[in-house]
Amino acid sequence: AVDDVSFRIEKGEIFGFLGSNGCGKTTTMKMLTGLLNASEGTAELFGKPVDGKDIALR
């Protein structure tokens, strides 16, 4: 489970996503790519809610 995650990556920044095993890194990335729906709240990319069917956004 992923609880209470919020971060912003600005254009041109290099971002590393680190954490221990089982902390939710893969789950978070799947939500941001539309491969997994958030069970609560929203996952947003470029200020828009992630839609797994929107290939252009993915």
PDB file of N, CA and C in Angstrom:
ATOM      1  N   ALA A   1       0.847  -1.191   0.000  1.00  0.00           N
ATOM      2  CA  ALA A   1       0.000   0.000   0.000  1.00  0.00           C
ATOM      3  C   ALA A   1       0.878   1.235   0.000  1.00  0.00           C
ATOM      4  N   VAL A   2       0.388   2.256  -0.640  1.00  0.00           N
ATOM      5  CA  VAL A   2       1.084   3.542  -0.686  1.00  0.00           C
ATOM      6  C   VAL A   2       0.174   4.561  -0.030  1.00  0.00           C
ATOM      7  N   ASP A   3       0.657   5.204   1.013  1.00  0.00           N
ATOM      8  CA  ASP A   3      -0.138   6.183   1.746  1.00  0.00           C
ATOM      9  C   ASP A   3       0.532   7.547   1.740  1.00  0.00           C
ATOM     10  N   ASP A   4      -0.258   8.589   1.490  1.00  0.00           N
ATOM     11  CA  ASP A   4       0.159   9.982   1.660  1.00  0.00           C
ATOM     12  C   ASP A   4       1.476  10.316   0.964  1.00  0.00           C
ATOM     13  N   VAL A   5       1.520  10.127  -0.347  1.00  0.00           N
ATOM     14  CA  VAL A   5       2.714  10.436  -1.128  1.00  0.00           C
ATOM     15  C   VAL A   5       2.432  11.652  -1.989  1.00  0.00           C
ATOM     16  N   SER A   6       3.358  12.590  -1.966  1.00  0.00           N
ATOM     17  CA  SER A   6       3.240  13.777  -2.804  1.00  0.00           C
ATOM     18  C   SER A   6       4.644  14.245  -3.168  1.00  0.00           C
ATOM     19  N   PHE A   7       4.875  14.474  -4.448  1.00  0.00           N
ATOM     20  CA  PHE A   7       6.148  15.047  -4.872  1.00  0.00           C
ATOM     21  C   PHE A   7       5.948  15.746  -6.204  1.00  0.00           C
ATOM     22  N   ARG A   8       6.846  16.663  -6.495  1.00  0.00           N
ATOM     23  CA  ARG A   8       6.790  17.428  -7.739  1.00  0.00           C
ATOM     24  C   ARG A   8       8.172  17.376  -8.375  1.00  0.00           C
ATOM     25  N   ILE A   9       8.194  17.082  -9.650  1.00  0.00           N
ATOM     26  CA  ILE A   9       9.440  17.050 -10.404  1.00  0.00           C
ATOM     27  C   ILE A   9       9.341  18.122 -11.475  1.00  0.00           C
ATOM     28  N   GLU A  10      10.239  19.068 -11.433  1.00  0.00           N
ATOM     29  CA  GLU A  10      10.228  20.166 -12.398  1.00  0.00           C
ATOM     30  C   GLU A  10      10.913  19.739 -13.698  1.00  0.00           C
ATOM     31  N   LYS A  11      10.558  20.409 -14.772  1.00  0.00           N
ATOM     32  CA  LYS A  11      11.142  20.129 -16.076  1.00  0.00           C
ATOM     33  C   LYS A  11      12.665  20.269 -15.989  1.00  0.00           C
ATOM     34  N   GLY A  12      13.369  19.297 -16.517  1.00  0.00           N
ATOM     35  CA  GLY A  12      14.822  19.319 -16.534  1.00  0.00           C
ATOM     36  C   GLY A  12      15.483  18.696 -15.311  1.00  0.00           C
ATOM     37  N   GLU A  13      14.699  18.394 -14.279  1.00  0.00           N
ATOM     38  CA  GLU A  13      15.266  17.772 -13.084  1.00  0.00           C
ATOM     39  C   GLU A  13      15.501  16.284 -13.318  1.00  0.00           C
ATOM     40  N   ILE A  14      16.500  15.766 -12.651  1.00  0.00           N
ATOM     41  CA  ILE A  14      16.742  14.328 -12.628  1.00  0.00           C
ATOM     42  C   ILE A  14      16.265  13.846 -11.274  1.00  0.00           C
ATOM     43  N   PHE A  15      15.447  12.808 -11.279  1.00  0.00           N
ATOM     44  CA  PHE A  15      14.782  12.348 -10.063  1.00  0.00           C
ATOM     45  C   PHE A  15      15.108  10.890  -9.809  1.00  0.00           C
ATOM     46  N   GLY A  16      15.520  10.575  -8.601  1.00  0.00           N
ATOM     47  CA  GLY A  16      15.755   9.190  -8.196  1.00  0.00           C
ATOM     48  C   GLY A  16      14.685   8.778  -7.201  1.00  0.00           C
ATOM     49  N   PHE A  17      14.150   7.601  -7.370  1.00  0.00           N
ATOM     50  CA  PHE A  17      13.075   7.109  -6.510  1.00  0.00           C
ATOM     51  C   PHE A  17      13.636   5.931  -5.720  1.00  0.00           C
ATOM     52  N   LEU A  18      14.050   6.182  -4.471  1.00  0.00           N
ATOM     53  CA  LEU A  18      14.738   5.183  -3.666  1.00  0.00           C
ATOM     54  C   LEU A  18      13.925   4.800  -2.445  1.00  0.00           C
ATOM     55  N   GLY A  19      14.119   3.603  -1.964  1.00  0.00           N
ATOM     56  CA  GLY A  19      13.466   3.152  -0.739  1.00  0.00           C
ATOM     57  C   GLY A  19      13.721   1.677  -0.514  1.00  0.00           C
ATOM     58  N   SER A  20      13.382   1.221   0.665  1.00  0.00           N
ATOM     59  CA  SER A  20      13.601  -0.183   1.011  1.00  0.00           C
ATOM     60  C   SER A  20      12.600  -1.083   0.281  1.00  0.00           C
ATOM     61  N   ASN A  21      12.860  -2.372   0.329  1.00  0.00           N
ATOM     62  CA  ASN A  21      11.952  -3.348  -0.287  1.00  0.00           C
ATOM     63  C   ASN A  21      10.564  -3.233   0.320  1.00  0.00           C
ATOM     64  N   GLY A  22       9.550  -3.254  -0.543  1.00  0.00           N
ATOM     65  CA  GLY A  22       8.167  -3.262  -0.072  1.00  0.00           C
ATOM     66  C   GLY A  22       7.609  -1.923   0.355  1.00  0.00           C
ATOM     67  N   CYS A  23       8.329  -0.825   0.074  1.00  0.00           N
ATOM     68  CA  CYS A  23       7.847   0.486   0.537  1.00  0.00           C
ATOM     69  C   CYS A  23       6.889   1.159  -0.443  1.00  0.00           C
ATOM     70  N   GLY A  24       6.711   0.600  -1.651  1.00  0.00           N
ATOM     71  CA  GLY A  24       5.730   1.145  -2.584  1.00  0.00           C
ATOM     72  C   GLY A  24       6.295   1.835  -3.808  1.00  0.00           C
ATOM     73  N   LYS A  25       7.592   1.690  -4.077  1.00  0.00           N
ATOM     74  CA  LYS A  25       8.193   2.335  -5.250  1.00  0.00           C
ATOM     75  C   LYS A  25       7.537   1.865  -6.545  1.00  0.00           C
ATOM     76  N   THR A  26       7.459   0.559  -6.728  1.00  0.00           N
ATOM     77  CA  THR A  26       6.885   0.001  -7.951  1.00  0.00           C
ATOM     78  C   THR A  26       5.409   0.330  -8.064  1.00  0.00           C
ATOM     79  N   THR A  27       4.681   0.235  -6.972  1.00  0.00           N
ATOM     80  CA  THR A  27       3.252   0.559  -6.980  1.00  0.00           C
ATOM     81  C   THR A  27       3.042   2.011  -7.382  1.00  0.00           C
ATOM     82  N   THR A  28       3.842   2.923  -6.833  1.00  0.00           N
ATOM     83  CA  THR A  28       3.727   4.344  -7.174  1.00  0.00           C
ATOM     84  C   THR A  28       3.997   4.566  -8.656  1.00  0.00           C
ATOM     85  N   MET A  29       5.052   3.953  -9.186  1.00  0.00           N
ATOM     86  CA  MET A  29       5.374   4.135 -10.596  1.00  0.00           C
ATOM     87  C   MET A  29       4.294   3.527 -11.493  1.00  0.00           C
ATOM     88  N   LYS A  30       3.702   2.411 -11.080  1.00  0.00           N
ATOM     89  CA  LYS A  30       2.605   1.824 -11.863  1.00  0.00           C
ATOM     90  C   LYS A  30       1.397   2.754 -11.881  1.00  0.00           C
ATOM     91  N   MET A  31       1.137   3.436 -10.773  1.00  0.00           N
ATOM     92  CA  MET A  31       0.023   4.390 -10.746  1.00  0.00           C
ATOM     93  C   MET A  31       0.318   5.583 -11.645  1.00  0.00           C
ATOM     94  N   LEU A  32       1.568   6.047 -11.675  1.00  0.00           N
ATOM     95  CA  LEU A  32       1.917   7.197 -12.512  1.00  0.00           C
ATOM     96  C   LEU A  32       1.934   6.868 -13.997  1.00  0.00           C
ATOM     97  N   THR A  33       2.089   5.600 -14.331  1.00  0.00           N
ATOM     98  CA  THR A  33       2.077   5.210 -15.744  1.00  0.00           C
ATOM     99  C   THR A  33       0.727   4.665 -16.193  1.00  0.00           C
ATOM    100  N   GLY A  34      -0.230   4.632 -15.278  1.00  0.00           N
ATOM    101  CA  GLY A  34      -1.567   4.178 -15.636  1.00  0.00           C
ATOM    102  C   GLY A  34      -1.734   2.676 -15.659  1.00  0.00           C
ATOM    103  N   LEU A  35      -0.731   1.939 -15.217  1.00  0.00           N
ATOM    104  CA  LEU A  35      -0.824   0.481 -15.202  1.00  0.00           C
ATOM    105  C   LEU A  35      -1.608  -0.027 -14.000  1.00  0.00           C
ATOM    106  N   LEU A  36      -1.797   0.838 -12.996  1.00  0.00           N
ATOM    107  CA  LEU A  36      -2.524   0.478 -11.789  1.00  0.00           C
ATOM    108  C   LEU A  36      -3.316   1.697 -11.340  1.00  0.00           C
ATOM    109  N   ASN A  37      -4.586   1.515 -11.043  1.00  0.00           N
ATOM    110  CA  ASN A  37      -5.413   2.622 -10.559  1.00  0.00           C
ATOM    111  C   ASN A  37      -5.210   2.821  -9.065  1.00  0.00           C
ATOM    112  N   ALA A  38      -5.223   4.078  -8.639  1.00  0.00           N
ATOM    113  CA  ALA A  38      -5.155   4.387  -7.211  1.00  0.00           C
ATOM    114  C   ALA A  38      -6.477   3.981  -6.570  1.00  0.00           C
ATOM    115  N   SER A  39      -6.410   3.322  -5.424  1.00  0.00           N
ATOM    116  CA  SER A  39      -7.642   2.914  -4.741  1.00  0.00           C
ATOM    117  C   SER A  39      -8.274   4.086  -3.996  1.00  0.00           C
ATOM    118  N   GLU A  40      -7.472   5.090  -3.663  1.00  0.00           N
ATOM    119  CA  GLU A  40      -7.955   6.329  -3.036  1.00  0.00           C
ATOM    120  C   GLU A  40      -7.168   7.487  -3.614  1.00  0.00           C
ATOM    121  N   GLY A  41      -7.765   8.651  -3.608  1.00  0.00           N
ATOM    122  CA  GLY A  41      -7.061   9.838  -4.091  1.00  0.00           C
ATOM    123  C   GLY A  41      -6.832   9.785  -5.587  1.00  0.00           C
ATOM    124  N   THR A  42      -5.851  10.548  -6.045  1.00  0.00           N
ATOM    125  CA  THR A  42      -5.555  10.595  -7.475  1.00  0.00           C
ATOM    126  C   THR A  42      -4.060  10.503  -7.712  1.00  0.00           C
ATOM    127  N   ALA A  43      -3.707   9.998  -8.866  1.00  0.00           N
ATOM    128  CA  ALA A  43      -2.338  10.051  -9.362  1.00  0.00           C
ATOM    129  C   ALA A  43      -2.376  11.032 -10.517  1.00  0.00           C
ATOM    130  N   GLU A  44      -1.516  12.039 -10.483  1.00  0.00           N
ATOM    131  CA  GLU A  44      -1.501  13.055 -11.535  1.00  0.00           C
ATOM    132  C   GLU A  44      -0.135  13.112 -12.190  1.00  0.00           C
ATOM    133  N   LEU A  45      -0.155  13.390 -13.478  1.00  0.00           N
ATOM    134  CA  LEU A  45       1.049  13.547 -14.266  1.00  0.00           C
ATOM    135  C   LEU A  45       0.837  14.751 -15.166  1.00  0.00           C
ATOM    136  N   PHE A  46       1.745  15.704 -15.118  1.00  0.00           N
ATOM    137  CA  PHE A  46       1.629  16.962 -15.867  1.00  0.00           C
ATOM    138  C   PHE A  46       0.359  17.714 -15.499  1.00  0.00           C
ATOM    139  N   GLY A  47      -0.048  17.605 -14.220  1.00  0.00           N
ATOM    140  CA  GLY A  47      -1.221  18.325 -13.735  1.00  0.00           C
ATOM    141  C   GLY A  47      -2.552  17.719 -14.126  1.00  0.00           C
ATOM    142  N   LYS A  48      -2.526  16.540 -14.757  1.00  0.00           N
ATOM    143  CA  LYS A  48      -3.762  15.873 -15.177  1.00  0.00           C
ATOM    144  C   LYS A  48      -3.860  14.520 -14.486  1.00  0.00           C
ATOM    145  N   PRO A  49      -5.074  14.106 -14.116  1.00  0.00           N
ATOM    146  CA  PRO A  49      -5.225  12.764 -13.545  1.00  0.00           C
ATOM    147  C   PRO A  49      -4.754  11.706 -14.543  1.00  0.00           C
ATOM    148  N   VAL A  50      -4.043  10.721 -14.053  1.00  0.00           N
ATOM    149  CA  VAL A  50      -3.533   9.651 -14.912  1.00  0.00           C
ATOM    150  C   VAL A  50      -4.691   8.783 -15.389  1.00  0.00           C
ATOM    151  N   ASP A  51      -4.707   8.545 -16.692  1.00  0.00           N
ATOM    152  CA  ASP A  51      -5.704   7.674 -17.311  1.00  0.00           C
ATOM    153  C   ASP A  51      -4.933   6.608 -18.077  1.00  0.00           C
ATOM    154  N   GLY A  52      -5.021   5.369 -17.631  1.00  0.00           N
ATOM    155  CA  GLY A  52      -4.288   4.280 -18.263  1.00  0.00           C
ATOM    156  C   GLY A  52      -4.607   4.089 -19.727  1.00  0.00           C
ATOM    157  N   LYS A  53      -5.744   4.620 -20.173  1.00  0.00           N
ATOM    158  CA  LYS A  53      -6.133   4.482 -21.581  1.00  0.00           C
ATOM    159  C   LYS A  53      -5.554   5.596 -22.451  1.00  0.00           C
ATOM    160  N   ASP A  54      -5.011   6.655 -21.825  1.00  0.00           N
ATOM    161  CA  ASP A  54      -4.452   7.789 -22.569  1.00  0.00           C
ATOM    162  C   ASP A  54      -2.985   7.508 -22.889  1.00  0.00           C
ATOM    163  N   ILE A  55      -2.747   6.875 -24.013  1.00  0.00           N
ATOM    164  CA  ILE A  55      -1.400   6.471 -24.402  1.00  0.00           C
ATOM    165  C   ILE A  55      -0.487   7.687 -24.566  1.00  0.00           C
ATOM    166  N   ALA A  56      -0.983   8.797 -25.048  1.00  0.00           N
ATOM    167  CA  ALA A  56      -0.157   9.989 -25.245  1.00  0.00           C
ATOM    168  C   ALA A  56       0.389  10.504 -23.917  1.00  0.00           C
ATOM    169  N   LEU A  57      -0.419  10.484 -22.881  1.00  0.00           N
ATOM    170  CA  LEU A  57       0.028  10.948 -21.568  1.00  0.00           C
ATOM    171  C   LEU A  57       1.018   9.971 -20.951  1.00  0.00           C
ATOM    172  N   ARG A  58       0.765   8.665 -21.141  1.00  0.00           N
ATOM    173  CA  ARG A  58       1.678   7.655 -20.598  1.00  0.00           C
ATOM    174  C   ARG A  58       3.020   7.785 -21.235  1.00  0.00           C
TER     175      ARG A  58
END
